[in-house]
N, C-alpha and C. Protein backbone atom coordinates (compact mmCIF):
# COMPACT_ATOMS: atom_id res chain seq x y z
N ILE A 1 36.74 13.99 -28.31
CA ILE A 1 37.13 14.46 -27.04
C ILE A 1 36.05 15.62 -26.41
N PHE A 2 36.28 16.37 -27.16
CA PHE A 2 35.22 17.29 -26.47
C PHE A 2 34.14 17.50 -26.40
N ALA A 3 33.40 16.45 -27.64
CA ALA A 3 32.43 16.15 -27.26
C ALA A 3 32.01 15.26 -26.23
N LEU A 4 33.19 13.94 -25.88
CA LEU A 4 32.73 13.50 -24.85
C LEU A 4 32.90 14.23 -22.98
N VAL A 5 34.09 14.94 -23.08
CA VAL A 5 33.84 15.88 -21.99
C VAL A 5 32.76 16.59 -21.77
N GLY A 6 32.11 17.51 -22.80
CA GLY A 6 30.56 17.89 -23.00
C GLY A 6 29.94 17.37 -22.68
N PHE A 7 29.50 15.76 -23.08
CA PHE A 7 28.72 14.97 -22.70
C PHE A 7 28.18 14.29 -21.43
N PHE A 8 30.22 14.47 -20.84
CA PHE A 8 30.20 13.90 -19.60
C PHE A 8 29.90 15.26 -18.40
N GLY A 9 30.20 15.72 -18.87
CA GLY A 9 30.27 17.00 -17.92
C GLY A 9 28.83 17.92 -17.51
N MET A 10 27.74 17.29 -18.95
CA MET A 10 27.04 18.14 -18.64
C MET A 10 25.85 17.44 -18.70
N THR A 11 26.29 15.82 -18.15
CA THR A 11 24.78 14.98 -17.89
C THR A 11 25.10 13.89 -16.99
N GLN A 12 24.35 13.66 -15.69
CA GLN A 12 24.91 12.75 -14.67
C GLN A 12 23.80 11.29 -14.69
N LYS A 13 24.06 10.83 -14.42
CA LYS A 13 23.03 9.61 -14.19
C LYS A 13 22.77 8.92 -12.84
N CYS A 14 21.38 8.82 -12.35
CA CYS A 14 21.15 8.58 -10.99
C CYS A 14 20.77 7.29 -11.10
N ASN A 15 21.00 6.23 -10.24
CA ASN A 15 20.77 4.71 -10.22
C ASN A 15 19.55 4.76 -9.39
N ASP A 16 18.12 3.71 -9.79
CA ASP A 16 17.07 3.51 -8.66
C ASP A 16 17.22 3.45 -7.48
N GLN A 17 18.67 3.25 -7.03
CA GLN A 17 18.91 2.66 -5.54
C GLN A 17 19.40 3.94 -4.85
N ASP A 18 19.68 5.01 -5.47
CA ASP A 18 20.18 6.18 -4.80
C ASP A 18 19.20 7.95 -4.96
N TRP A 19 19.55 8.36 -4.39
CA TRP A 19 19.28 10.22 -5.02
C TRP A 19 20.04 10.78 -4.77
N GLN A 20 20.02 12.05 -5.55
CA GLN A 20 21.62 12.59 -5.45
C GLN A 20 21.08 14.23 -5.28
N VAL A 21 21.88 14.71 -5.12
CA VAL A 21 21.85 16.04 -4.60
C VAL A 21 22.99 17.18 -5.62
N LEU A 22 22.22 17.67 -6.69
CA LEU A 22 22.91 19.05 -7.77
C LEU A 22 22.99 20.41 -7.58
N GLN A 23 24.00 20.95 -6.94
CA GLN A 23 24.62 22.34 -7.03
C GLN A 23 25.03 22.71 -8.67
N SER A 24 24.45 23.43 -9.02
CA SER A 24 24.72 24.40 -10.46
C SER A 24 25.27 25.10 -10.15
N VAL A 25 26.13 24.98 -11.20
CA VAL A 25 27.17 26.55 -11.34
C VAL A 25 26.92 27.57 -10.91
N SER A 26 25.58 28.20 -10.32
CA SER A 26 25.05 29.13 -10.02
C SER A 26 25.12 29.07 -9.08
N GLY A 27 25.05 28.17 -8.25
CA GLY A 27 24.07 27.83 -6.55
C GLY A 27 23.16 27.01 -7.02
N ASN A 28 22.12 27.04 -7.16
CA ASN A 28 20.80 26.69 -6.92
C ASN A 28 20.91 24.76 -7.01
N VAL A 29 20.28 24.50 -6.17
CA VAL A 29 20.17 23.62 -4.90
C VAL A 29 18.90 22.60 -5.84
N THR A 30 19.05 21.59 -6.35
CA THR A 30 17.98 20.84 -6.63
C THR A 30 18.47 19.26 -5.67
N THR A 31 17.43 18.17 -5.43
CA THR A 31 17.15 16.88 -5.66
C THR A 31 16.98 16.24 -6.58
N ILE A 32 17.65 14.87 -6.64
CA ILE A 32 17.24 14.21 -8.17
C ILE A 32 16.92 12.91 -7.54
N ASN A 33 15.38 12.56 -7.86
CA ASN A 33 14.97 11.00 -7.16
C ASN A 33 14.72 10.46 -8.59
N THR A 34 14.70 10.69 -9.26
CA THR A 34 14.07 9.75 -10.42
C THR A 34 15.29 8.61 -11.07
N PRO A 35 15.07 7.77 -11.56
CA PRO A 35 16.19 7.35 -11.78
C PRO A 35 16.39 7.33 -13.34
N GLY A 36 18.04 7.63 -14.10
CA GLY A 36 18.14 7.99 -15.60
C GLY A 36 19.12 9.25 -15.98
N TRP A 37 18.85 9.31 -16.67
CA TRP A 37 20.20 10.57 -17.37
C TRP A 37 19.52 11.90 -17.09
N TYR A 38 20.32 12.92 -16.86
CA TYR A 38 19.40 13.89 -16.80
C TYR A 38 20.62 15.07 -17.06
N ASN A 39 20.18 16.81 -17.42
CA ASN A 39 20.78 17.68 -17.67
C ASN A 39 21.79 18.05 -16.27
N SER A 40 22.56 18.02 -16.26
CA SER A 40 23.81 18.95 -14.78
C SER A 40 24.13 20.13 -14.97
N TRP A 41 24.31 20.16 -16.52
CA TRP A 41 24.98 21.07 -17.03
C TRP A 41 26.55 21.77 -15.84
N PHE A 42 27.77 20.57 -15.97
CA PHE A 42 28.42 21.18 -15.08
C PHE A 42 28.41 21.54 -13.70
N GLY A 43 27.20 21.19 -13.14
CA GLY A 43 26.87 21.25 -11.62
C GLY A 43 27.69 20.13 -11.17
N THR A 44 27.46 20.31 -9.75
CA THR A 44 27.97 19.14 -8.40
C THR A 44 27.04 18.69 -8.17
N VAL A 45 27.75 16.94 -8.19
CA VAL A 45 26.69 16.24 -7.48
C VAL A 45 27.22 15.50 -6.49
N TRP A 46 26.25 15.43 -5.64
CA TRP A 46 26.55 14.28 -4.50
C TRP A 46 25.32 12.98 -4.18
N THR A 47 26.01 12.09 -4.18
CA THR A 47 25.22 10.67 -4.43
C THR A 47 24.72 9.91 -3.04
N TYR A 48 23.83 10.08 -2.72
CA TYR A 48 23.07 8.93 -1.55
C TYR A 48 22.39 7.48 -1.60
N LYS A 49 22.17 6.86 -0.58
CA LYS A 49 21.89 5.29 -0.85
C LYS A 49 20.19 5.76 -0.32
N ARG A 50 19.60 5.03 -1.30
CA ARG A 50 18.24 5.38 -0.30
C ARG A 50 18.44 4.35 0.96
N ASN A 51 19.06 3.33 1.16
CA ASN A 51 19.32 2.63 2.38
C ASN A 51 20.49 2.72 3.00
N TYR A 52 20.51 2.22 3.86
CA TYR A 52 22.22 2.20 4.48
C TYR A 52 21.77 0.96 5.37
N HIS A 53 23.14 0.37 5.81
CA HIS A 53 22.91 -0.74 6.79
C HIS A 53 24.75 -0.24 7.28
N PHE A 54 24.41 -0.55 8.73
CA PHE A 54 25.80 0.05 9.17
C PHE A 54 25.64 -1.45 10.44
N GLU A 55 26.93 -1.92 10.80
CA GLU A 55 27.26 -2.45 12.21
C GLU A 55 28.19 -1.91 13.26
N TYR A 56 27.74 -2.19 14.43
CA TYR A 56 29.18 -1.62 15.37
C TYR A 56 29.13 -2.59 16.38
N THR A 57 29.89 -3.19 16.51
CA THR A 57 30.88 -4.30 17.13
C THR A 57 32.09 -4.16 17.73
N LYS A 58 32.46 -4.58 18.77
CA LYS A 58 33.94 -4.80 18.84
C LYS A 58 34.61 -5.60 18.07
N GLU A 59 34.64 -5.97 17.58
CA GLU A 59 35.70 -6.79 16.54
C GLU A 59 35.82 -6.05 15.34
N ILE A 60 37.55 -6.09 15.31
CA ILE A 60 38.33 -5.18 15.03
C ILE A 60 38.26 -5.81 13.13
N THR A 61 37.87 -4.48 12.08
CA THR A 61 38.01 -5.18 10.83
C THR A 61 38.64 -3.84 10.27
N PRO A 62 38.83 -4.13 8.95
CA PRO A 62 39.49 -3.09 7.89
C PRO A 62 37.75 -1.57 7.67
N GLU A 63 37.08 -2.43 7.86
CA GLU A 63 35.44 -1.99 7.84
C GLU A 63 35.58 -0.44 9.24
N SER A 64 35.86 -1.37 10.23
CA SER A 64 35.79 -0.40 11.55
C SER A 64 36.71 -0.83 12.07
N PRO A 65 38.08 -0.31 12.22
CA PRO A 65 39.72 -0.20 13.02
C PRO A 65 39.06 0.31 14.63
N THR A 66 38.21 0.23 15.06
CA THR A 66 38.46 0.65 16.20
C THR A 66 37.33 -0.56 17.17
N ASP A 67 37.15 -0.43 18.20
CA ASP A 67 35.97 -1.38 19.32
C ASP A 67 34.64 -0.22 19.13
N GLU A 68 33.58 -0.52 18.18
CA GLU A 68 32.62 0.48 17.77
C GLU A 68 31.37 -0.18 19.49
N SER A 69 31.26 -1.09 19.81
CA SER A 69 30.55 -2.05 20.96
C SER A 69 30.00 -0.26 21.86
N THR A 70 29.07 -0.70 22.21
CA THR A 70 28.08 0.20 23.53
C THR A 70 28.85 -0.02 25.33
N ARG A 71 29.22 0.31 25.89
CA ARG A 71 28.94 -0.44 27.30
C ARG A 71 27.72 0.37 27.61
N VAL A 72 26.88 -0.28 28.32
CA VAL A 72 25.55 -0.16 28.92
C VAL A 72 26.29 -0.56 30.61
N THR A 73 25.17 0.24 31.69
CA THR A 73 25.16 -0.29 32.57
C THR A 73 23.94 -0.42 33.24
N PHE A 74 23.26 -1.61 33.68
CA PHE A 74 22.30 -1.90 33.94
C PHE A 74 22.16 -1.42 35.79
N ASN A 75 20.86 -1.54 36.11
CA ASN A 75 20.58 -0.98 37.88
C ASN A 75 20.89 -1.26 38.68
N ASP A 76 21.48 -2.94 38.76
CA ASP A 76 22.30 -3.90 39.87
C ASP A 76 23.76 -3.64 39.50
N GLY A 77 24.47 -2.51 38.72
CA GLY A 77 25.40 -2.47 38.94
C GLY A 77 26.08 -3.24 37.75
N GLY A 78 25.38 -4.51 37.31
CA GLY A 78 25.99 -5.17 35.96
C GLY A 78 26.34 -4.49 34.74
N THR A 79 27.35 -4.69 33.95
CA THR A 79 27.75 -4.37 33.16
C THR A 79 27.49 -4.67 31.48
N ALA A 80 27.18 -4.46 30.49
CA ALA A 80 27.45 -5.36 28.80
C ALA A 80 27.99 -4.34 28.11
N GLU A 81 28.64 -5.16 27.14
CA GLU A 81 28.62 -4.43 25.64
C GLU A 81 28.06 -4.76 24.60
N MET A 82 27.32 -4.06 24.32
CA MET A 82 26.79 -4.56 22.92
C MET A 82 27.17 -4.05 21.64
N ASP A 83 27.10 -5.56 21.04
CA ASP A 83 27.18 -5.13 19.05
C ASP A 83 25.50 -5.35 18.80
N VAL A 84 25.95 -4.03 17.99
CA VAL A 84 24.35 -3.92 17.17
C VAL A 84 24.81 -3.34 15.55
N MET A 85 23.47 -3.85 14.80
CA MET A 85 23.05 -3.46 13.64
C MET A 85 22.01 -2.80 13.44
N ILE A 86 22.15 -2.23 12.29
CA ILE A 86 20.95 -1.18 11.86
C ILE A 86 20.67 -1.09 10.28
N ARG A 87 19.32 -1.02 9.97
CA ARG A 87 19.33 -0.44 8.31
C ARG A 87 18.04 0.65 8.51
N ILE A 88 19.16 1.91 8.07
CA ILE A 88 18.24 3.10 7.72
C ILE A 88 17.75 3.47 6.48
N MET A 89 16.35 3.80 6.30
CA MET A 89 15.85 4.46 4.85
C MET A 89 16.14 5.96 4.96
N THR A 90 17.47 6.53 3.83
CA THR A 90 17.12 7.66 4.12
C THR A 90 16.29 8.57 3.79
N PRO A 91 16.14 9.82 4.23
CA PRO A 91 14.89 10.92 3.65
C PRO A 91 14.33 10.67 1.87
N THR A 92 12.92 10.83 2.05
CA THR A 92 12.72 11.23 0.47
C THR A 92 11.96 11.78 0.18
N VAL A 93 11.52 13.35 1.01
CA VAL A 93 10.92 14.81 0.95
C VAL A 93 12.45 15.48 0.52
N SER A 94 12.40 16.32 -0.69
CA SER A 94 13.06 17.03 -0.69
C SER A 94 13.78 17.93 0.28
N ASP A 95 12.91 18.36 1.11
CA ASP A 95 13.66 19.33 1.72
C ASP A 95 14.46 18.74 2.89
N ARG A 96 13.96 17.47 3.46
CA ARG A 96 14.39 16.87 4.74
C ARG A 96 16.23 16.48 3.72
N GLN A 97 15.68 16.04 2.47
CA GLN A 97 16.90 15.29 1.66
C GLN A 97 18.39 16.52 1.72
N ARG A 98 17.70 17.97 1.57
CA ARG A 98 18.29 19.15 1.47
C ARG A 98 19.39 19.32 2.66
N GLU A 99 18.44 18.84 3.89
CA GLU A 99 18.87 19.34 5.17
C GLU A 99 20.06 18.17 5.39
N PHE A 100 19.46 16.86 4.88
CA PHE A 100 20.69 15.83 5.49
C PHE A 100 22.11 15.86 4.78
N HIS A 101 21.92 16.23 3.55
CA HIS A 101 23.36 16.65 2.71
C HIS A 101 23.63 17.34 3.46
N ARG A 102 23.24 18.62 3.72
CA ARG A 102 23.96 20.14 4.89
C ARG A 102 25.10 19.28 5.92
N GLN A 103 23.94 18.42 6.61
CA GLN A 103 24.57 18.00 7.70
C GLN A 103 25.84 16.82 7.28
N PHE A 104 26.00 15.92 6.45
CA PHE A 104 26.55 14.75 6.42
C PHE A 104 27.60 14.81 5.17
N SER A 105 27.24 16.22 4.09
CA SER A 105 27.89 16.54 3.07
C SER A 105 28.42 15.77 2.11
N GLY A 106 27.70 14.30 2.24
CA GLY A 106 28.29 13.11 1.27
C GLY A 106 28.76 12.14 1.86
N SER A 107 29.55 12.40 3.11
CA SER A 107 30.38 11.78 4.04
C SER A 107 29.68 10.61 4.70
N GLU A 108 30.31 8.86 4.24
CA GLU A 108 29.44 8.30 4.61
C GLU A 108 29.85 7.90 6.43
N LYS A 109 31.26 8.58 6.23
CA LYS A 109 31.79 8.15 7.50
C LYS A 109 31.37 9.16 8.98
N THR A 110 30.81 9.86 8.49
CA THR A 110 30.00 10.70 9.33
C THR A 110 28.93 10.57 9.36
N MET A 111 28.34 10.06 8.76
CA MET A 111 26.88 9.88 8.86
C MET A 111 26.58 8.63 10.09
N LYS A 112 27.84 7.68 9.83
CA LYS A 112 28.15 6.44 10.25
C LYS A 112 28.11 6.88 11.77
N ASP A 113 28.98 7.58 12.27
CA ASP A 113 29.55 8.20 13.61
C ASP A 113 28.22 8.76 14.05
N ALA A 114 27.40 9.19 13.99
CA ALA A 114 26.42 10.23 14.09
C ALA A 114 25.17 9.19 14.42
N ILE A 115 25.51 8.44 13.52
CA ILE A 115 24.34 7.11 13.71
C ILE A 115 24.59 6.69 15.19
N TRP A 116 25.91 6.01 15.11
CA TRP A 116 26.58 5.79 16.13
C TRP A 116 26.62 6.51 17.70
N GLY A 117 26.31 7.37 17.65
CA GLY A 117 26.11 8.21 18.86
C GLY A 117 24.95 8.28 19.06
N HIS A 118 24.12 8.03 18.40
CA HIS A 118 22.30 8.16 18.73
C HIS A 118 22.51 7.21 19.54
N ILE A 119 22.41 5.91 18.48
CA ILE A 119 21.89 4.33 18.91
C ILE A 119 23.06 4.29 20.70
N SER A 120 23.89 4.75 20.79
CA SER A 120 24.52 4.75 22.35
C SER A 120 24.00 5.19 23.21
N ASN A 121 23.47 6.78 22.80
CA ASN A 121 22.64 7.48 24.05
C ASN A 121 21.76 6.80 24.17
N VAL A 122 21.22 6.09 23.58
CA VAL A 122 19.49 5.30 23.97
C VAL A 122 19.86 3.71 24.68
N LEU A 123 20.51 3.20 23.84
CA LEU A 123 21.03 2.26 24.97
C LEU A 123 21.69 2.40 26.34
N LYS A 124 22.28 3.58 26.79
CA LYS A 124 22.54 3.58 27.31
C LYS A 124 21.93 4.48 28.80
N ALA A 125 20.90 4.67 27.90
CA ALA A 125 19.84 5.30 28.54
C ALA A 125 18.83 4.47 29.17
N THR A 126 18.61 3.27 27.97
CA THR A 126 17.63 2.11 28.45
C THR A 126 18.04 1.34 29.63
N ALA A 127 19.30 0.92 29.63
CA ALA A 127 19.89 -0.18 30.30
C ALA A 127 19.14 0.34 31.84
N PRO A 128 19.43 1.14 32.36
CA PRO A 128 19.24 0.92 33.93
C PRO A 128 17.57 0.75 34.21
N LEU A 129 16.86 0.49 32.70
CA LEU A 129 15.42 0.55 33.41
C LEU A 129 15.30 -1.11 34.06
N MET A 130 16.25 -2.31 33.64
CA MET A 130 16.33 -3.32 34.50
C MET A 130 17.39 -3.83 34.79
N SER A 131 17.80 -4.62 35.65
CA SER A 131 18.93 -5.46 35.72
C SER A 131 19.72 -6.32 34.76
N ALA A 132 20.81 -6.43 35.26
CA ALA A 132 21.36 -7.93 34.25
C ALA A 132 20.99 -8.99 34.09
N SER A 133 20.23 -9.48 35.47
CA SER A 133 19.80 -11.14 35.43
C SER A 133 18.00 -10.79 34.60
N GLU A 134 17.45 -9.31 34.59
CA GLU A 134 16.27 -9.52 34.28
C GLU A 134 16.79 -9.47 32.84
N HIS A 135 17.56 -8.69 32.09
CA HIS A 135 17.94 -8.63 31.03
C HIS A 135 18.44 -9.99 30.24
N GLN A 136 19.08 -10.77 31.05
CA GLN A 136 19.71 -12.12 30.41
C GLN A 136 18.31 -13.04 30.36
N SER A 137 17.77 -13.13 31.66
CA SER A 137 16.81 -14.38 31.57
C SER A 137 15.67 -13.61 31.08
N ALA A 138 14.89 -12.61 30.68
CA ALA A 138 13.58 -12.59 30.52
C ALA A 138 13.28 -11.24 29.21
N CYS A 139 14.22 -10.25 29.47
CA CYS A 139 13.82 -9.01 29.17
C CYS A 139 14.62 -8.45 27.94
N LYS A 140 15.09 -9.50 26.96
CA LYS A 140 16.08 -8.68 26.01
C LYS A 140 14.99 -8.53 25.17
N SER A 141 13.98 -8.87 24.79
CA SER A 141 13.12 -8.74 23.56
C SER A 141 12.52 -7.11 24.44
N GLU A 142 11.97 -6.91 25.31
CA GLU A 142 11.60 -5.76 25.68
C GLU A 142 13.19 -4.33 25.77
N PHE A 143 13.61 -4.71 26.02
CA PHE A 143 15.44 -4.21 25.81
C PHE A 143 15.47 -3.76 24.66
N GLN A 144 15.03 -4.58 23.56
CA GLN A 144 15.56 -3.94 21.99
C GLN A 144 14.36 -3.32 21.43
N GLN A 145 13.10 -3.40 22.03
CA GLN A 145 11.86 -2.84 21.96
C GLN A 145 11.82 -1.11 22.37
N MET A 146 12.51 -1.40 23.38
CA MET A 146 12.24 0.05 23.76
C MET A 146 13.55 0.87 23.04
N VAL A 147 14.44 0.25 22.87
CA VAL A 147 15.38 1.19 22.28
C VAL A 147 15.16 1.55 20.74
N THR A 148 14.86 0.61 20.25
CA THR A 148 14.11 0.62 18.76
C THR A 148 12.90 1.79 18.86
N GLU A 149 12.23 2.13 19.96
CA GLU A 149 11.04 2.93 20.04
C GLU A 149 11.62 4.27 20.21
N GLN A 150 12.75 4.05 20.70
CA GLN A 150 13.81 5.72 21.12
C GLN A 150 14.34 6.22 20.09
N LEU A 151 14.85 4.60 19.13
CA LEU A 151 15.69 5.85 18.06
C LEU A 151 14.78 5.86 17.49
N SER A 152 13.73 6.23 17.17
CA SER A 152 12.68 6.73 16.18
C SER A 152 12.31 7.67 16.77
N ASN A 153 11.38 7.61 17.96
CA ASN A 153 10.42 8.61 18.40
C ASN A 153 11.50 9.75 19.37
N GLY A 154 12.70 9.37 20.39
CA GLY A 154 13.11 10.23 21.20
C GLY A 154 13.35 9.90 22.46
N LEU A 155 14.43 9.89 22.91
CA LEU A 155 14.43 9.53 24.31
C LEU A 155 13.26 10.11 25.37
N TYR A 156 12.97 9.47 26.03
CA TYR A 156 12.33 8.97 27.00
C TYR A 156 12.55 10.13 28.39
N GLU A 157 11.42 10.32 28.91
CA GLU A 157 12.19 11.45 30.00
C GLU A 157 11.93 10.08 31.20
N MET A 158 12.94 9.55 32.08
CA MET A 158 13.55 9.39 33.23
C MET A 158 12.75 9.59 34.32
N ARG A 159 12.96 8.96 35.32
CA ARG A 159 12.75 9.35 37.23
C ARG A 159 13.50 8.34 37.94
N LYS A 160 14.28 8.47 39.09
CA LYS A 160 14.90 7.47 39.81
C LYS A 160 13.84 7.06 40.71
N VAL A 161 14.01 5.74 40.88
CA VAL A 161 12.99 4.96 41.58
C VAL A 161 13.77 4.23 42.81
N GLU A 162 13.65 3.44 43.59
CA GLU A 162 13.65 2.37 44.62
C GLU A 162 13.44 1.17 44.12
N ARG A 163 13.75 0.09 43.56
CA ARG A 163 13.67 -0.89 43.21
C ARG A 163 14.02 -2.50 44.21
N VAL A 164 13.05 -3.04 44.72
CA VAL A 164 13.52 -4.57 45.16
C VAL A 164 14.47 -5.19 44.53
N LEU A 165 15.57 -5.94 44.59
CA LEU A 165 16.22 -6.77 43.53
C LEU A 165 15.26 -8.08 43.72
N LYS A 166 14.79 -8.90 42.84
CA LYS A 166 14.42 -10.28 43.11
C LYS A 166 14.97 -11.04 42.93
N ASP A 167 15.12 -11.84 43.79
CA ASP A 167 15.99 -13.22 44.42
C ASP A 167 17.32 -12.76 44.44
N GLN A 168 17.63 -11.81 45.08
CA GLN A 168 19.05 -11.42 45.31
C GLN A 168 19.13 -10.50 47.15
N PHE A 169 19.73 -11.21 47.73
CA PHE A 169 20.27 -10.82 49.11
C PHE A 169 21.49 -10.73 49.78
N ASP A 170 21.44 -9.66 50.34
CA ASP A 170 23.03 -9.32 50.81
C ASP A 170 23.39 -10.25 52.11
N THR A 171 24.27 -9.84 52.66
CA THR A 171 24.97 -11.05 53.71
C THR A 171 24.37 -11.20 54.79
N LYS A 172 23.13 -9.90 55.50
CA LYS A 172 22.26 -10.84 56.08
C LYS A 172 20.99 -11.49 56.34
N GLY A 173 20.92 -11.72 54.77
CA GLY A 173 19.56 -12.46 54.03
C GLY A 173 18.76 -11.08 54.05
N ASN A 174 18.74 -9.96 53.83
CA ASN A 174 17.74 -8.96 53.84
C ASN A 174 17.64 -8.69 51.83
N PRO A 175 16.21 -8.61 51.34
CA PRO A 175 16.39 -8.13 50.43
C PRO A 175 17.26 -6.64 49.79
N ILE A 176 17.87 -7.24 48.70
CA ILE A 176 18.94 -5.78 47.81
C ILE A 176 18.11 -5.07 47.22
N THR A 177 17.67 -3.87 47.72
CA THR A 177 17.21 -2.49 47.21
C THR A 177 18.21 -1.54 46.22
N VAL A 178 17.94 -0.88 45.16
CA VAL A 178 18.82 -0.66 44.76
C VAL A 178 18.33 0.76 43.62
N PHE A 179 18.75 2.29 43.67
CA PHE A 179 18.16 2.63 42.50
C PHE A 179 18.19 1.89 41.61
N ALA A 180 17.39 2.24 41.23
CA ALA A 180 16.21 2.16 39.34
C ALA A 180 15.83 3.48 38.70
N THR A 181 15.68 3.06 37.15
CA THR A 181 15.45 4.06 36.45
C THR A 181 13.85 3.60 35.84
N GLU A 182 12.89 4.31 35.41
CA GLU A 182 11.73 4.29 34.96
C GLU A 182 10.97 5.12 33.82
N THR A 183 10.47 4.85 33.15
CA THR A 183 10.17 6.03 32.23
C THR A 183 8.97 6.46 32.90
N VAL A 184 8.82 8.04 32.10
CA VAL A 184 7.45 8.54 32.53
C VAL A 184 6.51 8.51 31.67
N ARG A 185 5.30 8.21 32.53
CA ARG A 185 4.01 8.50 31.17
C ARG A 185 3.25 9.19 31.53
N ASP A 186 2.46 9.84 30.46
CA ASP A 186 1.08 10.48 30.59
C ASP A 186 0.23 9.79 31.38
N GLU A 187 -0.86 10.70 31.11
CA GLU A 187 -2.10 9.87 31.74
C GLU A 187 -2.87 8.96 30.91
N LYS A 188 -2.26 8.54 29.71
CA LYS A 188 -2.72 7.82 28.63
C LYS A 188 -1.63 6.71 28.70
N GLY A 189 -0.80 6.80 29.44
CA GLY A 189 0.02 5.53 29.51
C GLY A 189 1.38 5.72 28.98
N ARG A 190 1.12 6.39 27.95
CA ARG A 190 2.15 6.55 26.65
C ARG A 190 3.35 7.19 27.24
N PRO A 191 4.95 6.64 27.39
CA PRO A 191 5.90 7.23 27.44
C PRO A 191 6.47 8.60 26.67
N ILE A 192 6.60 9.58 27.82
CA ILE A 192 6.64 11.01 27.68
C ILE A 192 8.46 11.46 26.76
N VAL A 193 8.20 12.10 25.77
CA VAL A 193 9.45 12.12 24.89
C VAL A 193 10.40 13.31 25.61
N ALA A 194 11.46 13.27 26.22
CA ALA A 194 11.65 14.43 26.25
C ALA A 194 12.92 15.52 25.93
N GLN A 195 13.09 14.19 25.08
CA GLN A 195 14.24 15.24 23.55
C GLN A 195 14.46 14.30 22.02
N LYS A 196 13.96 14.79 20.98
CA LYS A 196 12.89 14.38 19.97
C LYS A 196 14.77 13.49 19.35
N SER A 197 14.05 12.57 18.46
CA SER A 197 14.75 11.93 17.46
C SER A 197 15.69 12.59 16.74
N PRO A 198 16.81 12.69 16.57
CA PRO A 198 17.79 13.35 15.35
C PRO A 198 17.24 12.32 13.97
N PHE A 199 16.82 11.59 14.30
CA PHE A 199 16.19 10.47 12.76
C PHE A 199 14.96 11.11 12.38
N GLU A 200 14.25 11.37 13.68
CA GLU A 200 13.09 12.03 13.14
C GLU A 200 13.02 13.11 12.66
N GLN A 201 13.90 14.15 13.19
CA GLN A 201 14.08 15.84 12.61
C GLN A 201 14.40 15.15 11.04
N LEU A 202 15.42 14.47 10.76
CA LEU A 202 16.19 14.45 9.59
C LEU A 202 15.11 13.30 8.29
N GLY A 203 13.73 12.63 9.32
CA GLY A 203 13.38 11.90 7.97
C GLY A 203 14.17 10.69 7.69
N ILE A 204 14.75 10.38 8.97
CA ILE A 204 15.59 8.69 8.60
C ILE A 204 14.49 8.04 9.18
N VAL A 205 14.32 7.09 8.58
CA VAL A 205 13.19 5.70 9.31
C VAL A 205 14.09 4.09 9.44
N VAL A 206 14.10 3.66 10.65
CA VAL A 206 14.69 2.58 11.17
C VAL A 206 13.92 1.52 10.38
N THR A 207 14.76 0.39 9.56
CA THR A 207 14.07 -0.44 8.93
C THR A 207 14.20 -1.91 9.79
N GLN A 208 15.28 -1.59 10.11
CA GLN A 208 15.58 -2.89 11.06
C GLN A 208 17.02 -2.68 12.01
N PHE A 209 16.52 -3.14 13.44
CA PHE A 209 17.48 -2.88 14.04
C PHE A 209 17.52 -3.90 15.06
N SER A 210 18.79 -4.63 15.38
CA SER A 210 19.43 -5.96 16.14
C SER A 210 20.46 -5.81 17.27
N ILE A 211 20.37 -6.22 18.23
CA ILE A 211 21.44 -6.25 19.34
C ILE A 211 21.92 -7.40 18.80
N THR A 212 22.76 -7.74 18.12
CA THR A 212 23.51 -9.36 17.74
C THR A 212 24.38 -10.03 19.11
N GLU A 213 25.02 -9.11 19.83
CA GLU A 213 25.85 -9.86 20.72
C GLU A 213 25.83 -9.06 21.97
N THR A 214 25.74 -9.81 23.91
CA THR A 214 25.37 -9.23 24.76
C THR A 214 26.88 -9.48 25.20
N ASP A 215 27.93 -8.42 25.46
CA ASP A 215 29.12 -9.65 26.45
C ASP A 215 28.89 -9.20 27.92
N TYR A 216 28.32 -9.51 28.64
CA TYR A 216 28.46 -9.22 29.98
C TYR A 216 29.90 -9.14 30.76
N ASP A 217 30.02 -8.62 32.38
CA ASP A 217 31.41 -8.51 32.90
C ASP A 217 31.30 -9.72 33.54
N GLN A 218 32.51 -10.06 33.77
CA GLN A 218 32.73 -11.36 34.55
C GLN A 218 32.13 -11.47 35.99
N GLN A 219 31.63 -10.35 36.79
CA GLN A 219 31.24 -10.34 37.98
C GLN A 219 29.90 -10.62 37.62
N THR A 220 28.98 -10.24 36.81
CA THR A 220 27.89 -10.34 36.68
C THR A 220 27.61 -11.67 35.69
N LEU A 221 28.18 -12.23 35.02
CA LEU A 221 28.13 -13.59 34.94
C LEU A 221 28.46 -14.48 35.66
N LYS A 222 29.02 -14.73 37.24
CA LYS A 222 29.81 -15.70 38.33
C LYS A 222 27.81 -15.18 38.64
N GLN A 223 27.52 -14.20 38.90
CA GLN A 223 26.14 -14.18 39.55
C GLN A 223 25.23 -15.08 39.01
N PHE A 224 25.06 -14.59 37.25
CA PHE A 224 24.46 -15.83 36.80
C PHE A 224 24.51 -17.15 36.89
N ALA A 225 25.66 -17.52 36.98
CA ALA A 225 26.14 -19.21 37.28
C ALA A 225 25.52 -19.40 38.54
């Protein structure tokens, strides 16, 4: 019995799909990135996956007991609730792995909530770049591309502009003008990042992002019809 307790107390196993943080009894911290058994000497071990898959949907499930969709507002006042799916790769460099561990302490729920917060901010900031009609008819791929870029690079600097809505008129037949948003670009035409992405700071890589469902409000659906 003592031999078994000693063996499992002094050794740990890291799987190929994981990486681990080992804190020794003396307080020294190291990261384990090599699969196989190693000596832990009764230290504390936290295990993280190299890749995570999260879904944020309106549907209530045991894994998602609350509505995790994001409500966005387009520049014509139309709204929609968006369900998304994301796959991320966690940091591969030791220093960033330690910072990742300091922020999340092995809690997958905390990690999922933080990722949802960043996705929600990006979706809300991107929606005013277009009207609900533009998004529904022709700009879904452009919208998803803009969101994916900002998830990795950071929130773009935006400014308010006036925009005439296409094929939309008031009761007198005049074209409708609304306040919209556009990205601010540098002299080379590249969007200027106003707020760095926490993904970039932590070394998180987005390997896949999809907007799986867009539920427009009833007034916007009538407008489409």
